[in-house]
Amino acid sequence: FRQAPGKEREFVAAISRGGVRTEYEDSVLGRFTISRDNAKNMVY
């Protein structure tokens, strides 16, 4: 999620269990990519 100056917090991207499905806010679709590394317990 993100919060810009003067704006409320908004959804950006999410990734499901196993990375099977991802979702993006329309404003970032095609520009941002969410991914995860389970071995490191991290999301990018």
PDB file of all heavy atoms in Angstrom:
ATOM      1  N   PHE A   1       0.851  -1.178   0.000  1.00  0.00           N
ATOM      2  CA  PHE A   1       0.000   0.000   0.000  1.00  0.00           C
ATOM      3  C   PHE A   1       0.888   1.229   0.000  1.00  0.00           C
ATOM      4  O   PHE A   1       2.089   1.141   0.271  1.00  0.00           O
ATOM      5  CB  PHE A   1      -0.918   0.011   1.234  1.00  0.00           C
ATOM      6  CG  PHE A   1      -1.974  -1.052   1.222  1.00  0.00           C
ATOM      7  CD1 PHE A   1      -1.661  -2.377   1.483  1.00  0.00           C
ATOM      8  CD2 PHE A   1      -3.299  -0.726   0.953  1.00  0.00           C
ATOM      9  CE1 PHE A   1      -2.633  -3.354   1.476  1.00  0.00           C
ATOM     10  CE2 PHE A   1      -4.285  -1.696   0.945  1.00  0.00           C
ATOM     11  CZ  PHE A   1      -3.950  -3.009   1.203  1.00  0.00           C
ATOM     12  N   ARG A   2       0.296   2.384  -0.304  1.00  0.00           N
ATOM     13  CA  ARG A   2       1.068   3.613  -0.267  1.00  0.00           C
ATOM     14  C   ARG A   2       0.191   4.773   0.175  1.00  0.00           C
ATOM     15  O   ARG A   2      -1.030   4.743   0.029  1.00  0.00           O
ATOM     16  CB  ARG A   2       1.691   3.923  -1.630  1.00  0.00           C
ATOM     17  CG  ARG A   2       0.686   4.260  -2.724  1.00  0.00           C
ATOM     18  CD  ARG A   2       1.386   4.427  -4.062  1.00  0.00           C
ATOM     19  NE  ARG A   2       0.454   4.773  -5.122  1.00  0.00           N
ATOM     20  CZ  ARG A   2       0.788   4.873  -6.398  1.00  0.00           C
ATOM     21  NH1 ARG A   2       2.048   4.656  -6.779  1.00  0.00           N
ATOM     22  NH2 ARG A   2      -0.133   5.199  -7.309  1.00  0.00           N
ATOM     23  N   GLN A   3       0.838   5.785   0.714  1.00  0.00           N
ATOM     24  CA  GLN A   3       0.136   6.991   1.126  1.00  0.00           C
ATOM     25  C   GLN A   3       0.906   8.202   0.624  1.00  0.00           C
ATOM     26  O   GLN A   3       2.029   8.463   1.063  1.00  0.00           O
ATOM     27  CB  GLN A   3      -0.027   7.052   2.645  1.00  0.00           C
ATOM     28  CG  GLN A   3      -0.883   8.218   3.108  1.00  0.00           C
ATOM     29  CD  GLN A   3      -1.290   8.099   4.565  1.00  0.00           C
ATOM     30  OE1 GLN A   3      -0.648   7.386   5.338  1.00  0.00           O
ATOM     31  NE2 GLN A   3      -2.344   8.785   4.935  1.00  0.00           N
ATOM     32  N   ALA A   4       0.303   8.923  -0.300  1.00  0.00           N
ATOM     33  CA  ALA A   4       0.903  10.117  -0.872  1.00  0.00           C
ATOM     34  C   ALA A   4       0.553  11.335  -0.024  1.00  0.00           C
ATOM     35  O   ALA A   4      -0.429  11.320   0.724  1.00  0.00           O
ATOM     36  CB  ALA A   4       0.423  10.314  -2.306  1.00  0.00           C
ATOM     37  N   PRO A   5       1.329  12.401  -0.141  1.00  0.00           N
ATOM     38  CA  PRO A   5       1.031  13.614   0.619  1.00  0.00           C
ATOM     39  C   PRO A   5      -0.380  14.114   0.353  1.00  0.00           C
ATOM     40  O   PRO A   5      -0.786  14.261  -0.799  1.00  0.00           O
ATOM     41  CB  PRO A   5       2.074  14.611   0.108  1.00  0.00           C
ATOM     42  CG  PRO A   5       3.212  13.760  -0.342  1.00  0.00           C
ATOM     43  CD  PRO A   5       2.568  12.537  -0.930  1.00  0.00           C
ATOM     44  N   GLY A   6      -1.122  14.355   1.409  1.00  0.00           N
ATOM     45  CA  GLY A   6      -2.467  14.877   1.283  1.00  0.00           C
ATOM     46  C   GLY A   6      -3.513  13.877   0.842  1.00  0.00           C
ATOM     47  O   GLY A   6      -4.661  14.268   0.594  1.00  0.00           O
ATOM     48  N   LYS A   7      -3.152  12.605   0.746  1.00  0.00           N
ATOM     49  CA  LYS A   7      -4.084  11.582   0.302  1.00  0.00           C
ATOM     50  C   LYS A   7      -4.157  10.449   1.320  1.00  0.00           C
ATOM     51  O   LYS A   7      -3.277  10.282   2.155  1.00  0.00           O
ATOM     52  CB  LYS A   7      -3.671  11.022  -1.056  1.00  0.00           C
ATOM     53  CG  LYS A   7      -3.610  12.049  -2.172  1.00  0.00           C
ATOM     54  CD  LYS A   7      -3.168  11.435  -3.482  1.00  0.00           C
ATOM     55  CE  LYS A   7      -4.167  10.423  -4.002  1.00  0.00           C
ATOM     56  NZ  LYS A   7      -3.763   9.862  -5.325  1.00  0.00           N
ATOM     57  N   GLU A   8      -5.221   9.669   1.225  1.00  0.00           N
ATOM     58  CA  GLU A   8      -5.374   8.533   2.113  1.00  0.00           C
ATOM     59  C   GLU A   8      -4.584   7.341   1.585  1.00  0.00           C
ATOM     60  O   GLU A   8      -4.213   7.282   0.410  1.00  0.00           O
ATOM     61  CB  GLU A   8      -6.849   8.169   2.274  1.00  0.00           C
ATOM     62  CG  GLU A   8      -7.533   7.737   0.999  1.00  0.00           C
ATOM     63  CD  GLU A   8      -9.012   7.489   1.194  1.00  0.00           C
ATOM     64  OE1 GLU A   8      -9.516   7.797   2.290  1.00  0.00           O
ATOM     65  OE2 GLU A   8      -9.664   6.987   0.267  1.00  0.00           O
ATOM     66  N   ARG A   9      -4.334   6.392   2.457  1.00  0.00           N
ATOM     67  CA  ARG A   9      -3.597   5.205   2.060  1.00  0.00           C
ATOM     68  C   ARG A   9      -4.388   4.407   1.025  1.00  0.00           C
ATOM     69  O   ARG A   9      -5.598   4.244   1.138  1.00  0.00           O
ATOM     70  CB  ARG A   9      -3.312   4.352   3.287  1.00  0.00           C
ATOM     71  CG  ARG A   9      -2.351   3.206   3.040  1.00  0.00           C
ATOM     72  CD  ARG A   9      -2.051   2.450   4.337  1.00  0.00           C
ATOM     73  NE  ARG A   9      -1.440   3.321   5.334  1.00  0.00           N
ATOM     74  CZ  ARG A   9      -1.081   2.906   6.550  1.00  0.00           C
ATOM     75  NH1 ARG A   9      -1.260   1.650   6.915  1.00  0.00           N
ATOM     76  NH2 ARG A   9      -0.542   3.770   7.394  1.00  0.00           N
ATOM     77  N   GLU A  10      -3.695   3.902   0.006  1.00  0.00           N
ATOM     78  CA  GLU A  10      -4.358   3.193  -1.059  1.00  0.00           C
ATOM     79  C   GLU A  10      -3.643   1.888  -1.386  1.00  0.00           C
ATOM     80  O   GLU A  10      -2.439   1.744  -1.177  1.00  0.00           O
ATOM     81  CB  GLU A  10      -4.452   4.051  -2.324  1.00  0.00           C
ATOM     82  CG  GLU A  10      -3.108   4.358  -2.960  1.00  0.00           C
ATOM     83  CD  GLU A  10      -3.234   5.117  -4.270  1.00  0.00           C
ATOM     84  OE1 GLU A  10      -4.378   5.346  -4.722  1.00  0.00           O
ATOM     85  OE2 GLU A  10      -2.195   5.485  -4.843  1.00  0.00           O
ATOM     86  N   PHE A  11      -4.399   0.970  -1.931  1.00  0.00           N
ATOM     87  CA  PHE A  11      -3.871  -0.308  -2.369  1.00  0.00           C
ATOM     88  C   PHE A  11      -2.978  -0.129  -3.581  1.00  0.00           C
ATOM     89  O   PHE A  11      -3.282   0.662  -4.473  1.00  0.00           O
ATOM     90  CB  PHE A  11      -5.030  -1.242  -2.703  1.00  0.00           C
ATOM     91  CG  PHE A  11      -4.615  -2.496  -3.411  1.00  0.00           C
ATOM     92  CD1 PHE A  11      -4.013  -3.534  -2.729  1.00  0.00           C
ATOM     93  CD2 PHE A  11      -4.839  -2.644  -4.770  1.00  0.00           C
ATOM     94  CE1 PHE A  11      -3.636  -4.697  -3.376  1.00  0.00           C
ATOM     95  CE2 PHE A  11      -4.469  -3.790  -5.435  1.00  0.00           C
ATOM     96  CZ  PHE A  11      -3.867  -4.824  -4.729  1.00  0.00           C
ATOM     97  N   VAL A  12      -1.881  -0.887  -3.630  1.00  0.00           N
ATOM     98  CA  VAL A  12      -0.970  -0.847  -4.764  1.00  0.00           C
ATOM     99  C   VAL A  12      -0.917  -2.195  -5.470  1.00  0.00           C
ATOM    100  O   VAL A  12      -1.169  -2.293  -6.668  1.00  0.00           O
ATOM    101  CB  VAL A  12       0.454  -0.434  -4.340  1.00  0.00           C
ATOM    102  CG1 VAL A  12       1.404  -0.488  -5.538  1.00  0.00           C
ATOM    103  CG2 VAL A  12       0.437   0.957  -3.723  1.00  0.00           C
ATOM    104  N   ALA A  13      -0.579  -3.246  -4.725  1.00  0.00           N
ATOM    105  CA  ALA A  13      -0.430  -4.563  -5.319  1.00  0.00           C
ATOM    106  C   ALA A  13      -0.515  -5.625  -4.240  1.00  0.00           C
ATOM    107  O   ALA A  13      -0.246  -5.363  -3.070  1.00  0.00           O
ATOM    108  CB  ALA A  13       0.906  -4.677  -6.066  1.00  0.00           C
ATOM    109  N   ALA A  14      -0.869  -6.837  -4.641  1.00  0.00           N
ATOM    110  CA  ALA A  14      -0.922  -7.956  -3.711  1.00  0.00           C
ATOM    111  C   ALA A  14      -0.590  -9.245  -4.437  1.00  0.00           C
ATOM    112  O   ALA A  14      -0.770  -9.352  -5.658  1.00  0.00           O
ATOM    113  CB  ALA A  14      -2.300  -8.063  -3.054  1.00  0.00           C
ATOM    114  N   ILE A  15      -0.122 -10.222  -3.681  1.00  0.00           N
ATOM    115  CA  ILE A  15       0.256 -11.505  -4.246  1.00  0.00           C
ATOM    116  C   ILE A  15      -0.264 -12.611  -3.348  1.00  0.00           C
ATOM    117  O   ILE A  15      -0.180 -12.543  -2.122  1.00  0.00           O
ATOM    118  CB  ILE A  15       1.789 -11.587  -4.439  1.00  0.00           C
ATOM    119  CG1 ILE A  15       2.187 -12.866  -5.174  1.00  0.00           C
ATOM    120  CG2 ILE A  15       2.514 -11.463  -3.094  1.00  0.00           C
ATOM    121  CD1 ILE A  15       3.627 -12.824  -5.694  1.00  0.00           C
ATOM    122  N   SER A  16      -0.804 -13.648  -3.966  1.00  0.00           N
ATOM    123  CA  SER A  16      -1.451 -14.719  -3.224  1.00  0.00           C
ATOM    124  C   SER A  16      -0.462 -15.770  -2.745  1.00  0.00           C
ATOM    125  O   SER A  16       0.731 -15.743  -3.068  1.00  0.00           O
ATOM    126  CB  SER A  16      -2.515 -15.392  -4.094  1.00  0.00           C
ATOM    127  OG  SER A  16      -1.907 -16.170  -5.115  1.00  0.00           O
ATOM    128  N   ARG A  17      -0.999 -16.712  -2.004  1.00  0.00           N
ATOM    129  CA  ARG A  17      -0.244 -17.881  -1.583  1.00  0.00           C
ATOM    130  C   ARG A  17       0.382 -18.569  -2.787  1.00  0.00           C
ATOM    131  O   ARG A  17      -0.302 -18.863  -3.762  1.00  0.00           O
ATOM    132  CB  ARG A  17      -1.189 -18.838  -0.848  1.00  0.00           C
ATOM    133  CG  ARG A  17      -0.594 -20.162  -0.443  1.00  0.00           C
ATOM    134  CD  ARG A  17      -1.651 -21.000   0.233  1.00  0.00           C
ATOM    135  NE  ARG A  17      -1.155 -22.285   0.694  1.00  0.00           N
ATOM    136  CZ  ARG A  17      -1.868 -23.174   1.347  1.00  0.00           C
ATOM    137  NH1 ARG A  17      -3.141 -22.914   1.649  1.00  0.00           N
ATOM    138  NH2 ARG A  17      -1.322 -24.325   1.722  1.00  0.00           N
ATOM    139  N   GLY A  18       1.677 -18.792  -2.723  1.00  0.00           N
ATOM    140  CA  GLY A  18       2.372 -19.422  -3.828  1.00  0.00           C
ATOM    141  C   GLY A  18       2.610 -18.522  -5.020  1.00  0.00           C
ATOM    142  O   GLY A  18       3.204 -18.968  -6.012  1.00  0.00           O
ATOM    143  N   GLY A  19       2.153 -17.278  -4.964  1.00  0.00           N
ATOM    144  CA  GLY A  19       2.345 -16.347  -6.062  1.00  0.00           C
ATOM    145  C   GLY A  19       1.515 -16.670  -7.292  1.00  0.00           C
ATOM    146  O   GLY A  19       1.835 -16.202  -8.390  1.00  0.00           O
ATOM    147  N   VAL A  20       0.451 -17.452  -7.119  1.00  0.00           N
ATOM    148  CA  VAL A  20      -0.369 -17.859  -8.251  1.00  0.00           C
ATOM    149  C   VAL A  20      -1.105 -16.674  -8.873  1.00  0.00           C
ATOM    150  O   VAL A  20      -1.228 -16.572 -10.093  1.00  0.00           O
ATOM    151  CB  VAL A  20      -1.367 -18.955  -7.827  1.00  0.00           C
ATOM    152  CG1 VAL A  20      -2.326 -19.292  -8.965  1.00  0.00           C
ATOM    153  CG2 VAL A  20      -0.617 -20.196  -7.376  1.00  0.00           C
ATOM    154  N   ARG A  21      -1.603 -15.785  -8.046  1.00  0.00           N
ATOM    155  CA  ARG A  21      -2.364 -14.639  -8.532  1.00  0.00           C
ATOM    156  C   ARG A  21      -1.807 -13.345  -7.971  1.00  0.00           C
ATOM    157  O   ARG A  21      -1.403 -13.285  -6.810  1.00  0.00           O
ATOM    158  CB  ARG A  21      -3.837 -14.767  -8.157  1.00  0.00           C
ATOM    159  CG  ARG A  21      -4.694 -13.598  -8.638  1.00  0.00           C
ATOM    160  CD  ARG A  21      -6.148 -13.787  -8.258  1.00  0.00           C
ATOM    161  NE  ARG A  21      -6.748 -14.913  -8.976  1.00  0.00           N
ATOM    162  CZ  ARG A  21      -7.280 -14.817 -10.189  1.00  0.00           C
ATOM    163  NH1 ARG A  21      -7.281 -13.664 -10.838  1.00  0.00           N
ATOM    164  NH2 ARG A  21      -7.810 -15.895 -10.763  1.00  0.00           N
ATOM    165  N   THR A  22      -1.785 -12.338  -8.810  1.00  0.00           N
ATOM    166  CA  THR A  22      -1.420 -10.997  -8.387  1.00  0.00           C
ATOM    167  C   THR A  22      -2.505 -10.019  -8.806  1.00  0.00           C
ATOM    168  O   THR A  22      -3.241 -10.255  -9.769  1.00  0.00           O
ATOM    169  CB  THR A  22      -0.078 -10.550  -8.985  1.00  0.00           C
ATOM    170  OG1 THR A  22      -0.150 -10.608 -10.415  1.00  0.00           O
ATOM    171  CG2 THR A  22       1.055 -11.449  -8.505  1.00  0.00           C
ATOM    172  N   GLU A  23      -2.611  -8.935  -8.065  1.00  0.00           N
ATOM    173  CA  GLU A  23      -3.553  -7.872  -8.386  1.00  0.00           C
ATOM    174  C   GLU A  23      -2.839  -6.535  -8.252  1.00  0.00           C
ATOM    175  O   GLU A  23      -1.967  -6.367  -7.393  1.00  0.00           O
ATOM    176  CB  GLU A  23      -4.766  -7.902  -7.457  1.00  0.00           C
ATOM    177  CG  GLU A  23      -5.640  -9.140  -7.575  1.00  0.00           C
ATOM    178  CD  GLU A  23      -6.462  -9.170  -8.849  1.00  0.00           C
ATOM    179  OE1 GLU A  23      -6.623  -8.100  -9.488  1.00  0.00           O
ATOM    180  OE2 GLU A  23      -6.948 -10.251  -9.219  1.00  0.00           O
ATOM    181  N   TYR A  24      -3.242  -5.585  -9.102  1.00  0.00           N
ATOM    182  CA  TYR A  24      -2.634  -4.269  -9.100  1.00  0.00           C
ATOM    183  C   TYR A  24      -3.687  -3.177  -9.189  1.00  0.00           C
ATOM    184  O   TYR A  24      -4.726  -3.352  -9.834  1.00  0.00           O
ATOM    185  CB  TYR A  24      -1.677  -4.107 -10.279  1.00  0.00           C
ATOM    186  CG  TYR A  24      -0.516  -5.069 -10.273  1.00  0.00           C
ATOM    187  CD1 TYR A  24      -0.598  -6.290 -10.927  1.00  0.00           C
ATOM    188  CD2 TYR A  24       0.667  -4.746  -9.615  1.00  0.00           C
ATOM    189  CE1 TYR A  24       0.474  -7.174 -10.923  1.00  0.00           C
ATOM    190  CE2 TYR A  24       1.736  -5.622  -9.604  1.00  0.00           C
ATOM    191  CZ  TYR A  24       1.632  -6.834 -10.262  1.00  0.00           C
ATOM    192  OH  TYR A  24       2.703  -7.709 -10.256  1.00  0.00           O
ATOM    193  N   GLU A  25      -3.407  -2.067  -8.551  1.00  0.00           N
ATOM    194  CA  GLU A  25      -4.233  -0.894  -8.732  1.00  0.00           C
ATOM    195  C   GLU A  25      -4.070  -0.421 -10.172  1.00  0.00           C
ATOM    196  O   GLU A  25      -2.993  -0.534 -10.763  1.00  0.00           O
ATOM    197  CB  GLU A  25      -3.819   0.200  -7.750  1.00  0.00           C
ATOM    198  CG  GLU A  25      -4.661   1.466  -7.817  1.00  0.00           C
ATOM    199  CD  GLU A  25      -6.084   1.247  -7.380  1.00  0.00           C
ATOM    200  OE1 GLU A  25      -6.335   0.313  -6.585  1.00  0.00           O
ATOM    201  OE2 GLU A  25      -6.969   1.999  -7.823  1.00  0.00           O
ATOM    202  N   ASP A  26      -5.136   0.115 -10.743  1.00  0.00           N
ATOM    203  CA  ASP A  26      -5.115   0.508 -12.143  1.00  0.00           C
ATOM    204  C   ASP A  26      -3.985   1.482 -12.472  1.00  0.00           C
ATOM    205  O   ASP A  26      -3.400   1.421 -13.557  1.00  0.00           O
ATOM    206  CB  ASP A  26      -6.452   1.136 -12.541  1.00  0.00           C
ATOM    207  CG  ASP A  26      -7.567   0.124 -12.616  1.00  0.00           C
ATOM    208  OD1 ASP A  26      -7.278  -1.085 -12.672  1.00  0.00           O
ATOM    209  OD2 ASP A  26      -8.736   0.551 -12.632  1.00  0.00           O
ATOM    210  N   SER A  27      -3.671   2.353 -11.556  1.00  0.00           N
ATOM    211  CA  SER A  27      -2.669   3.373 -11.821  1.00  0.00           C
ATOM    212  C   SER A  27      -1.252   2.823 -11.928  1.00  0.00           C
ATOM    213  O   SER A  27      -0.367   3.500 -12.460  1.00  0.00           O
ATOM    214  CB  SER A  27      -2.717   4.454 -10.736  1.00  0.00           C
ATOM    215  OG  SER A  27      -2.387   3.919  -9.468  1.00  0.00           O
ATOM    216  N   VAL A  28      -1.014   1.606 -11.433  1.00  0.00           N
ATOM    217  CA  VAL A  28       0.324   1.022 -11.482  1.00  0.00           C
ATOM    218  C   VAL A  28       0.395  -0.208 -12.371  1.00  0.00           C
ATOM    219  O   VAL A  28       1.492  -0.727 -12.621  1.00  0.00           O
ATOM    220  CB  VAL A  28       0.850   0.663 -10.075  1.00  0.00           C
ATOM    221  CG1 VAL A  28       0.742   1.864  -9.143  1.00  0.00           C
ATOM    222  CG2 VAL A  28       0.096  -0.529  -9.492  1.00  0.00           C
ATOM    223  N   LEU A  29      -0.732  -0.674 -12.850  1.00  0.00           N
ATOM    224  CA  LEU A  29      -0.780  -1.867 -13.688  1.00  0.00           C
ATOM    225  C   LEU A  29       0.089  -1.687 -14.925  1.00  0.00           C
ATOM    226  O   LEU A  29      -0.011  -0.693 -15.634  1.00  0.00           O
ATOM    227  CB  LEU A  29      -2.221  -2.161 -14.100  1.00  0.00           C
ATOM    228  CG  LEU A  29      -2.455  -3.435 -14.913  1.00  0.00           C
ATOM    229  CD1 LEU A  29      -2.121  -4.659 -14.086  1.00  0.00           C
ATOM    230  CD2 LEU A  29      -3.903  -3.491 -15.397  1.00  0.00           C
ATOM    231  N   GLY A  30       0.949  -2.665 -15.173  1.00  0.00           N
ATOM    232  CA  GLY A  30       1.854  -2.599 -16.305  1.00  0.00           C
ATOM    233  C   GLY A  30       3.171  -1.928 -16.002  1.00  0.00           C
ATOM    234  O   GLY A  30       4.108  -2.024 -16.803  1.00  0.00           O
ATOM    235  N   ARG A  31       3.252  -1.252 -14.879  1.00  0.00           N
ATOM    236  CA  ARG A  31       4.485  -0.569 -14.487  1.00  0.00           C
ATOM    237  C   ARG A  31       5.146  -1.206 -13.265  1.00  0.00           C
ATOM    238  O   ARG A  31       6.369  -1.236 -13.170  1.00  0.00           O
ATOM    239  CB  ARG A  31       4.214   0.903 -14.187  1.00  0.00           C
ATOM    240  CG  ARG A  31       3.643   1.682 -15.357  1.00  0.00           C
ATOM    241  CD  ARG A  31       3.582   3.173 -15.060  1.00  0.00           C
ATOM    242  NE  ARG A  31       2.708   3.479 -13.923  1.00  0.00           N
ATOM    243  CZ  ARG A  31       3.124   4.038 -12.793  1.00  0.00           C
ATOM    244  NH1 ARG A  31       4.401   4.361 -12.632  1.00  0.00           N
ATOM    245  NH2 ARG A  31       2.263   4.302 -11.811  1.00  0.00           N
ATOM    246  N   PHE A  32       4.337  -1.695 -12.334  1.00  0.00           N
ATOM    247  CA  PHE A  32       4.843  -2.297 -11.101  1.00  0.00           C
ATOM    248  C   PHE A  32       4.678  -3.812 -11.152  1.00  0.00           C
ATOM    249  O   PHE A  32       3.730  -4.328 -11.743  1.00  0.00           O
ATOM    250  CB  PHE A  32       4.085  -1.774  -9.883  1.00  0.00           C
ATOM    251  CG  PHE A  32       4.335  -0.329  -9.552  1.00  0.00           C
ATOM    252  CD1 PHE A  32       5.040   0.507 -10.401  1.00  0.00           C
ATOM    253  CD2 PHE A  32       3.848   0.197  -8.364  1.00  0.00           C
ATOM    254  CE1 PHE A  32       5.258   1.839 -10.088  1.00  0.00           C
ATOM    255  CE2 PHE A  32       4.060   1.525  -8.034  1.00  0.00           C
ATOM    256  CZ  PHE A  32       4.765   2.345  -8.895  1.00  0.00           C
ATOM    257  N   THR A  33       5.590  -4.519 -10.504  1.00  0.00           N
ATOM    258  CA  THR A  33       5.518  -5.969 -10.408  1.00  0.00           C
ATOM    259  C   THR A  33       5.769  -6.398  -8.971  1.00  0.00           C
ATOM    260  O   THR A  33       6.792  -6.050  -8.389  1.00  0.00           O
ATOM    261  CB  THR A  33       6.542  -6.655 -11.321  1.00  0.00           C
ATOM    262  OG1 THR A  33       6.326  -6.262 -12.681  1.00  0.00           O
ATOM    263  CG2 THR A  33       6.412  -8.175 -11.217  1.00  0.00           C
ATOM    264  N   ILE A  34       4.831  -7.149  -8.415  1.00  0.00           N
ATOM    265  CA  ILE A  34       5.004  -7.695  -7.073  1.00  0.00           C
ATOM    266  C   ILE A  34       5.480  -9.139  -7.189  1.00  0.00           C
ATOM    267  O   ILE A  34       5.044  -9.880  -8.074  1.00  0.00           O
ATOM    268  CB  ILE A  34       3.702  -7.602  -6.254  1.00  0.00           C
ATOM    269  CG1 ILE A  34       3.952  -8.018  -4.800  1.00  0.00           C
ATOM    270  CG2 ILE A  34       2.586  -8.426  -6.879  1.00  0.00           C
ATOM    271  CD1 ILE A  34       2.767  -7.751  -3.874  1.00  0.00           C
ATOM    272  N   SER A  35       6.375  -9.533  -6.309  1.00  0.00           N
ATOM    273  CA  SER A  35       6.877 -10.900  -6.294  1.00  0.00           C
ATOM    274  C   SER A  35       7.218 -11.283  -4.863  1.00  0.00           C
ATOM    275  O   SER A  35       7.253 -10.434  -3.973  1.00  0.00           O
ATOM    276  CB  SER A  35       8.099 -11.054  -7.206  1.00  0.00           C
ATOM    277  OG  SER A  35       9.158 -10.218  -6.776  1.00  0.00           O
ATOM    278  N   ARG A  36       7.465 -12.565  -4.649  1.00  0.00           N
ATOM    279  CA  ARG A  36       7.801 -13.013  -3.306  1.00  0.00           C
ATOM    280  C   ARG A  36       8.831 -14.120  -3.355  1.00  0.00           C
ATOM    281  O   ARG A  36       8.961 -14.839  -4.353  1.00  0.00           O
ATOM    282  CB  ARG A  36       6.541 -13.467  -2.560  1.00  0.00           C
ATOM    283  CG  ARG A  36       5.859 -14.697  -3.137  1.00  0.00           C
ATOM    284  CD  ARG A  36       4.467 -14.890  -2.523  1.00  0.00           C
ATOM    285  NE  ARG A  36       4.525 -15.000  -1.077  1.00  0.00           N
ATOM    286  CZ  ARG A  36       3.473 -14.877  -0.275  1.00  0.00           C
ATOM    287  NH1 ARG A  36       2.265 -14.619  -0.785  1.00  0.00           N
ATOM    288  NH2 ARG A  36       3.620 -14.998   1.030  1.00  0.00           N
ATOM    289  N   ASP A  37       9.567 -14.258  -2.265  1.00  0.00           N
ATOM    290  CA  ASP A  37      10.567 -15.298  -2.105  1.00  0.00           C
ATOM    291  C   ASP A  37      10.288 -15.973  -0.773  1.00  0.00           C
ATOM    292  O   ASP A  37      10.645 -15.450   0.283  1.00  0.00           O
ATOM    293  CB  ASP A  37      11.974 -14.705  -2.140  1.00  0.00           C
ATOM    294  CG  ASP A  37      13.062 -15.765  -2.123  1.00  0.00           C
ATOM    295  OD1 ASP A  37      12.816 -16.885  -1.656  1.00  0.00           O
ATOM    296  OD2 ASP A  37      14.185 -15.464  -2.588  1.00  0.00           O
ATOM    297  N   ASN A  38       9.637 -17.114  -0.820  1.00  0.00           N
ATOM    298  CA  ASN A  38       9.233 -17.786   0.411  1.00  0.00           C
ATOM    299  C   ASN A  38      10.420 -18.252   1.247  1.00  0.00           C
ATOM    300  O   ASN A  38      10.348 -18.268   2.474  1.00  0.00           O
ATOM    301  CB  ASN A  38       8.328 -18.971   0.089  1.00  0.00           C
ATOM    302  CG  ASN A  38       6.938 -18.542  -0.317  1.00  0.00           C
ATOM    303  OD1 ASN A  38       6.552 -17.388  -0.146  1.00  0.00           O
ATOM    304  ND2 ASN A  38       6.173 -19.477  -0.860  1.00  0.00           N
ATOM    305  N   ALA A  39      11.504 -18.635   0.590  1.00  0.00           N
ATOM    306  CA  ALA A  39      12.682 -19.092   1.317  1.00  0.00           C
ATOM    307  C   ALA A  39      13.254 -17.995   2.199  1.00  0.00           C
ATOM    308  O   ALA A  39      13.847 -18.268   3.241  1.00  0.00           O
ATOM    309  CB  ALA A  39      13.743 -19.602   0.350  1.00  0.00           C
ATOM    310  N   LYS A  40      13.070 -16.742   1.774  1.00  0.00           N
ATOM    311  CA  LYS A  40      13.580 -15.601   2.526  1.00  0.00           C
ATOM    312  C   LYS A  40      12.491 -14.895   3.324  1.00  0.00           C
ATOM    313  O   LYS A  40      12.790 -13.936   4.036  1.00  0.00           O
ATOM    314  CB  LYS A  40      14.250 -14.608   1.582  1.00  0.00           C
ATOM    315  CG  LYS A  40      15.462 -15.161   0.853  1.00  0.00           C
ATOM    316  CD  LYS A  40      16.068 -14.112  -0.067  1.00  0.00           C
ATOM    317  CE  LYS A  40      17.284 -14.651  -0.784  1.00  0.00           C
ATOM    318  NZ  LYS A  40      17.885 -13.643  -1.690  1.00  0.00           N
ATOM    319  N   ASN A  41      11.241 -15.356   3.184  1.00  0.00           N
ATOM    320  CA  ASN A  41      10.116 -14.728   3.864  1.00  0.00           C
ATOM    321  C   ASN A  41      10.024 -13.242   3.499  1.00  0.00           C
ATOM    322  O   ASN A  41       9.826 -12.380   4.359  1.00  0.00           O
ATOM    323  CB  ASN A  41      10.244 -14.887   5.384  1.00  0.00           C
ATOM    324  CG  ASN A  41       8.899 -14.962   6.089  1.00  0.00           C
ATOM    325  OD1 ASN A  41       7.875 -15.292   5.490  1.00  0.00           O
ATOM    326  ND2 ASN A  41       8.896 -14.660   7.382  1.00  0.00           N
ATOM    327  N   MET A  42      10.162 -12.971   2.193  1.00  0.00           N
ATOM    328  CA  MET A  42      10.186 -11.595   1.715  1.00  0.00           C
ATOM    329  C   MET A  42       9.222 -11.378   0.558  1.00  0.00           C
ATOM    330  O   MET A  42       8.860 -12.306  -0.157  1.00  0.00           O
ATOM    331  CB  MET A  42      11.600 -11.205   1.263  1.00  0.00           C
ATOM    332  CG  MET A  42      12.631 -11.222   2.370  1.00  0.00           C
ATOM    333  SD  MET A  42      14.275 -10.658   1.837  1.00  0.00           S
ATOM    334  CE  MET A  42      13.954  -8.910   1.569  1.00  0.00           C
ATOM    335  N   VAL A  43       8.828 -10.141   0.389  1.00  0.00           N
ATOM    336  CA  VAL A  43       8.012  -9.723  -0.743  1.00  0.00           C
ATOM    337  C   VAL A  43       8.660  -8.491  -1.350  1.00  0.00           C
ATOM    338  O   VAL A  43       9.258  -7.680  -0.637  1.00  0.00           O
ATOM    339  CB  VAL A  43       6.550  -9.460  -0.325  1.00  0.00           C
ATOM    340  CG1 VAL A  43       6.469  -8.317   0.684  1.00  0.00           C
ATOM    341  CG2 VAL A  43       5.684  -9.174  -1.544  1.00  0.00           C
ATOM    342  N   TYR A  44       8.532  -8.342  -2.675  1.00  0.00           N
ATOM    343  CA  TYR A  44       9.200  -7.270  -3.388  1.00  0.00           C
ATOM    344  C   TYR A  44       8.211  -6.484  -4.238  1.00  0.00           C
ATOM    345  O   TYR A  44       7.153  -6.973  -4.623  1.00  0.00           O
ATOM    346  CB  TYR A  44      10.293  -7.830  -4.301  1.00  0.00           C
ATOM    347  CG  TYR A  44      11.281  -8.730  -3.603  1.00  0.00           C
ATOM    348  CD1 TYR A  44      11.079 -10.104  -3.556  1.00  0.00           C
ATOM    349  CD2 TYR A  44      12.416  -8.208  -2.993  1.00  0.00           C
ATOM    350  CE1 TYR A  44      11.985 -10.936  -2.921  1.00  0.00           C
ATOM    351  CE2 TYR A  44      13.322  -9.034  -2.354  1.00  0.00           C
ATOM    352  CZ  TYR A  44      13.105 -10.397  -2.320  1.00  0.00           C
ATOM    353  OH  TYR A  44      14.012 -11.213  -1.687  1.00  0.00           O
TER     354      TYR A  44
END
